[in-house]
């Protein structure tokens, strides 16, 4: 399963898992700061894809044109932790 993740998806999952382990509540803000070099659209699309694949639990808002608007990360799922080997 790990091989099917893109580099940005793996980095997002690892950052969310690290933030959860550190006890952060506002996961989206912490992860976004940790991955500051990742463009906003790529970050939002990565979170949406991980949510669709049940590797991450997040609320995803989609704009009228189908583009991912806003994401709010809630937690890594069991499958997500297994995908990154934790």
N, C-alpha and C. Protein backbone atom coordinates (compact mmCIF):
# COMPACT_ATOMS: atom_id res chain seq x y z
N UNK A 1 0.83 -1.19 0.00
CA UNK A 1 0.00 0.00 0.00
C UNK A 1 0.87 1.25 0.00
N UNK A 2 2.00 1.21 0.67
CA UNK A 2 2.87 2.37 0.76
C UNK A 2 3.38 2.81 -0.59
N UNK A 3 3.59 1.88 -1.51
CA UNK A 3 4.12 2.22 -2.83
C UNK A 3 3.10 2.99 -3.65
N UNK A 4 1.83 2.86 -3.33
CA UNK A 4 0.79 3.54 -4.10
C UNK A 4 0.63 5.01 -3.71
N UNK A 5 1.33 5.45 -2.67
CA UNK A 5 1.24 6.84 -2.23
C UNK A 5 2.21 7.72 -3.01
N UNK A 6 1.74 8.91 -3.39
CA UNK A 6 2.65 9.87 -3.99
C UNK A 6 3.54 10.44 -2.89
N UNK A 7 4.58 11.14 -3.27
CA UNK A 7 5.50 11.73 -2.30
C UNK A 7 4.76 12.72 -1.40
N UNK A 8 3.91 13.56 -2.00
CA UNK A 8 3.19 14.55 -1.19
C UNK A 8 2.18 13.89 -0.26
N UNK A 9 1.52 12.82 -0.72
CA UNK A 9 0.56 12.11 0.14
C UNK A 9 1.27 11.47 1.33
N UNK A 10 2.42 10.87 1.08
CA UNK A 10 3.19 10.26 2.17
C UNK A 10 3.63 11.32 3.17
N UNK A 11 4.09 12.46 2.68
CA UNK A 11 4.54 13.53 3.56
C UNK A 11 3.38 14.07 4.40
N UNK A 12 2.20 14.18 3.80
CA UNK A 12 1.03 14.65 4.53
C UNK A 12 0.68 13.66 5.64
N UNK A 13 0.60 12.38 5.30
CA UNK A 13 0.26 11.36 6.30
C UNK A 13 1.27 11.35 7.45
N UNK A 14 2.55 11.41 7.12
CA UNK A 14 3.58 11.41 8.16
C UNK A 14 3.48 12.65 9.04
N UNK A 15 3.21 13.81 8.43
CA UNK A 15 3.09 15.05 9.20
C UNK A 15 1.88 15.01 10.12
N UNK A 16 0.76 14.46 9.64
CA UNK A 16 -0.44 14.35 10.47
C UNK A 16 -0.18 13.41 11.64
N UNK A 17 0.44 12.28 11.36
CA UNK A 17 0.73 11.31 12.41
C UNK A 17 1.68 11.92 13.46
N UNK A 18 2.70 12.63 13.00
CA UNK A 18 3.62 13.30 13.94
C UNK A 18 2.90 14.33 14.79
N UNK A 19 2.02 15.13 14.18
CA UNK A 19 1.28 16.15 14.91
C UNK A 19 0.35 15.52 15.94
N UNK A 20 -0.28 14.40 15.58
CA UNK A 20 -1.15 13.70 16.53
C UNK A 20 -0.33 13.18 17.72
N UNK A 21 0.83 12.62 17.44
CA UNK A 21 1.69 12.08 18.51
C UNK A 21 2.18 13.19 19.44
N UNK A 22 2.36 14.40 18.89
CA UNK A 22 2.79 15.54 19.70
C UNK A 22 1.63 16.17 20.47
N UNK A 23 0.40 15.69 20.23
CA UNK A 23 -0.75 16.16 20.98
C UNK A 23 -1.42 17.40 20.42
N UNK A 24 -1.11 17.76 19.19
CA UNK A 24 -1.74 18.94 18.59
C UNK A 24 -3.20 18.67 18.27
N UNK A 25 -4.03 19.69 18.44
CA UNK A 25 -5.46 19.57 18.17
C UNK A 25 -5.79 20.16 16.79
N UNK A 26 -5.18 21.27 16.46
CA UNK A 26 -5.41 21.94 15.17
C UNK A 26 -4.49 21.32 14.12
N UNK A 27 -4.80 20.12 13.69
CA UNK A 27 -3.92 19.37 12.81
C UNK A 27 -3.68 20.06 11.47
N UNK A 28 -4.70 20.63 10.89
CA UNK A 28 -4.56 21.26 9.57
C UNK A 28 -3.50 22.35 9.60
N UNK A 29 -3.57 23.23 10.59
CA UNK A 29 -2.61 24.34 10.69
C UNK A 29 -1.19 23.83 10.92
N UNK A 30 -1.04 22.87 11.81
CA UNK A 30 0.28 22.34 12.14
C UNK A 30 0.90 21.65 10.92
N UNK A 31 0.10 20.83 10.25
CA UNK A 31 0.60 20.10 9.09
C UNK A 31 0.92 21.06 7.95
N UNK A 32 0.07 22.05 7.74
CA UNK A 32 0.30 23.02 6.66
C UNK A 32 1.61 23.78 6.89
N UNK A 33 1.87 24.17 8.14
CA UNK A 33 3.13 24.85 8.45
C UNK A 33 4.32 23.91 8.25
N UNK A 34 4.17 22.66 8.63
CA UNK A 34 5.26 21.69 8.49
C UNK A 34 5.58 21.43 7.02
N UNK A 35 4.58 21.54 6.17
CA UNK A 35 4.76 21.28 4.74
C UNK A 35 4.65 22.57 3.94
N UNK A 36 5.18 23.65 4.46
CA UNK A 36 5.05 24.96 3.85
C UNK A 36 5.48 25.04 2.40
N UNK A 37 6.45 24.23 1.99
CA UNK A 37 6.93 24.28 0.61
C UNK A 37 5.99 23.57 -0.36
N UNK A 38 5.01 22.85 0.14
CA UNK A 38 4.03 22.16 -0.69
C UNK A 38 2.97 23.17 -1.11
N UNK A 39 2.75 23.36 -2.42
CA UNK A 39 1.74 24.33 -2.87
C UNK A 39 0.35 24.02 -2.30
N UNK A 40 -0.42 25.08 -2.05
CA UNK A 40 -1.74 24.94 -1.44
C UNK A 40 -2.66 23.98 -2.15
N UNK A 41 -2.73 24.07 -3.49
CA UNK A 41 -3.62 23.18 -4.23
C UNK A 41 -3.17 21.73 -4.06
N UNK A 42 -1.87 21.49 -4.13
CA UNK A 42 -1.36 20.12 -4.00
C UNK A 42 -1.65 19.58 -2.59
N UNK A 43 -1.53 20.43 -1.59
CA UNK A 43 -1.84 20.03 -0.22
C UNK A 43 -3.31 19.66 -0.08
N UNK A 44 -4.21 20.54 -0.55
CA UNK A 44 -5.65 20.27 -0.45
C UNK A 44 -6.05 19.03 -1.23
N UNK A 45 -5.51 18.88 -2.45
CA UNK A 45 -5.83 17.72 -3.28
C UNK A 45 -5.30 16.44 -2.63
N UNK A 46 -4.10 16.49 -2.04
CA UNK A 46 -3.54 15.33 -1.36
C UNK A 46 -4.39 14.90 -0.17
N UNK A 47 -4.84 15.87 0.61
CA UNK A 47 -5.71 15.56 1.76
C UNK A 47 -7.02 14.95 1.25
N UNK A 48 -7.59 15.51 0.20
CA UNK A 48 -8.84 14.98 -0.35
C UNK A 48 -8.67 13.55 -0.85
N UNK A 49 -7.58 13.29 -1.55
CA UNK A 49 -7.32 11.94 -2.07
C UNK A 49 -7.12 10.95 -0.93
N UNK A 50 -6.37 11.34 0.08
CA UNK A 50 -6.16 10.46 1.23
C UNK A 50 -7.47 10.18 1.97
N UNK A 51 -8.34 11.17 2.01
CA UNK A 51 -9.65 10.99 2.66
C UNK A 51 -10.50 10.02 1.85
N UNK A 52 -10.51 10.17 0.54
CA UNK A 52 -11.27 9.27 -0.33
C UNK A 52 -10.79 7.82 -0.19
N UNK A 53 -9.50 7.66 0.04
CA UNK A 53 -8.91 6.32 0.16
C UNK A 53 -8.96 5.79 1.59
N UNK A 54 -9.60 6.54 2.49
CA UNK A 54 -9.78 6.15 3.90
C UNK A 54 -8.46 6.00 4.65
N UNK A 55 -7.45 6.80 4.25
CA UNK A 55 -6.17 6.80 4.95
C UNK A 55 -6.10 7.97 5.93
N UNK A 56 -7.01 8.90 5.76
CA UNK A 56 -7.05 10.10 6.57
C UNK A 56 -8.51 10.47 6.79
N UNK A 57 -8.83 10.97 7.97
CA UNK A 57 -10.18 11.47 8.22
C UNK A 57 -10.10 12.99 8.19
N UNK A 58 -10.86 13.59 7.25
CA UNK A 58 -10.85 15.04 7.10
C UNK A 58 -12.17 15.48 6.48
N UNK A 59 -12.50 16.74 6.75
CA UNK A 59 -13.66 17.35 6.08
C UNK A 59 -13.13 18.10 4.86
N UNK A 60 -13.73 17.83 3.72
CA UNK A 60 -13.27 18.42 2.46
C UNK A 60 -14.43 19.15 1.80
N UNK A 61 -14.22 20.44 1.49
CA UNK A 61 -15.21 21.24 0.79
C UNK A 61 -14.78 21.34 -0.68
N UNK A 62 -15.74 21.13 -1.58
CA UNK A 62 -15.46 21.18 -3.00
C UNK A 62 -16.16 22.40 -3.60
N UNK A 63 -15.42 23.15 -4.42
CA UNK A 63 -15.99 24.33 -5.08
C UNK A 63 -16.91 23.89 -6.21
N UNK A 64 -17.67 24.84 -6.74
CA UNK A 64 -18.65 24.55 -7.78
C UNK A 64 -18.01 23.88 -9.01
N UNK A 65 -16.80 24.25 -9.36
CA UNK A 65 -16.14 23.67 -10.53
C UNK A 65 -15.50 22.32 -10.28
N UNK A 66 -15.63 21.79 -9.08
CA UNK A 66 -15.06 20.50 -8.74
C UNK A 66 -13.69 20.59 -8.09
N UNK A 67 -13.13 21.79 -7.98
CA UNK A 67 -11.83 21.99 -7.35
C UNK A 67 -11.97 21.89 -5.83
N UNK A 68 -10.98 21.31 -5.19
CA UNK A 68 -10.99 21.19 -3.73
C UNK A 68 -10.81 22.58 -3.14
N UNK A 69 -11.73 22.96 -2.25
CA UNK A 69 -11.68 24.28 -1.64
C UNK A 69 -10.95 24.28 -0.32
N UNK A 70 -11.60 23.86 0.72
CA UNK A 70 -11.03 23.90 2.06
C UNK A 70 -10.98 22.48 2.62
N UNK A 71 -9.93 22.20 3.40
CA UNK A 71 -9.82 20.91 4.07
C UNK A 71 -9.57 21.14 5.55
N UNK A 72 -10.13 20.28 6.37
CA UNK A 72 -9.90 20.31 7.82
C UNK A 72 -9.54 18.88 8.23
N UNK A 73 -8.30 18.70 8.59
CA UNK A 73 -7.81 17.37 8.96
C UNK A 73 -8.26 17.03 10.37
N UNK A 74 -8.82 15.83 10.54
CA UNK A 74 -9.29 15.39 11.85
C UNK A 74 -8.35 14.36 12.47
N UNK A 75 -7.92 13.35 11.69
CA UNK A 75 -7.00 12.34 12.23
C UNK A 75 -6.55 11.38 11.14
N UNK A 76 -5.49 10.65 11.45
CA UNK A 76 -5.03 9.57 10.60
C UNK A 76 -5.83 8.33 10.95
N UNK A 77 -6.22 7.56 9.97
CA UNK A 77 -6.94 6.32 10.24
C UNK A 77 -5.95 5.18 10.48
N UNK A 78 -6.47 4.07 10.92
CA UNK A 78 -5.64 2.88 11.12
C UNK A 78 -4.94 2.51 9.81
N UNK A 79 -5.67 2.54 8.70
CA UNK A 79 -5.07 2.22 7.41
C UNK A 79 -3.98 3.21 7.03
N UNK A 80 -4.18 4.47 7.37
CA UNK A 80 -3.18 5.49 7.09
C UNK A 80 -1.89 5.24 7.85
N UNK A 81 -2.02 4.87 9.11
CA UNK A 81 -0.82 4.56 9.91
C UNK A 81 -0.10 3.33 9.36
N UNK A 82 -0.87 2.36 8.91
CA UNK A 82 -0.26 1.16 8.33
C UNK A 82 0.43 1.48 7.01
N UNK A 83 -0.15 2.41 6.25
CA UNK A 83 0.43 2.77 4.95
C UNK A 83 1.81 3.40 5.10
N UNK A 84 2.04 4.12 6.20
CA UNK A 84 3.35 4.74 6.41
C UNK A 84 4.22 3.92 7.35
N UNK A 85 3.72 2.77 7.76
CA UNK A 85 4.50 1.85 8.56
C UNK A 85 4.65 2.22 10.02
N UNK A 86 3.59 2.82 10.61
CA UNK A 86 3.66 3.19 12.02
C UNK A 86 2.58 2.52 12.80
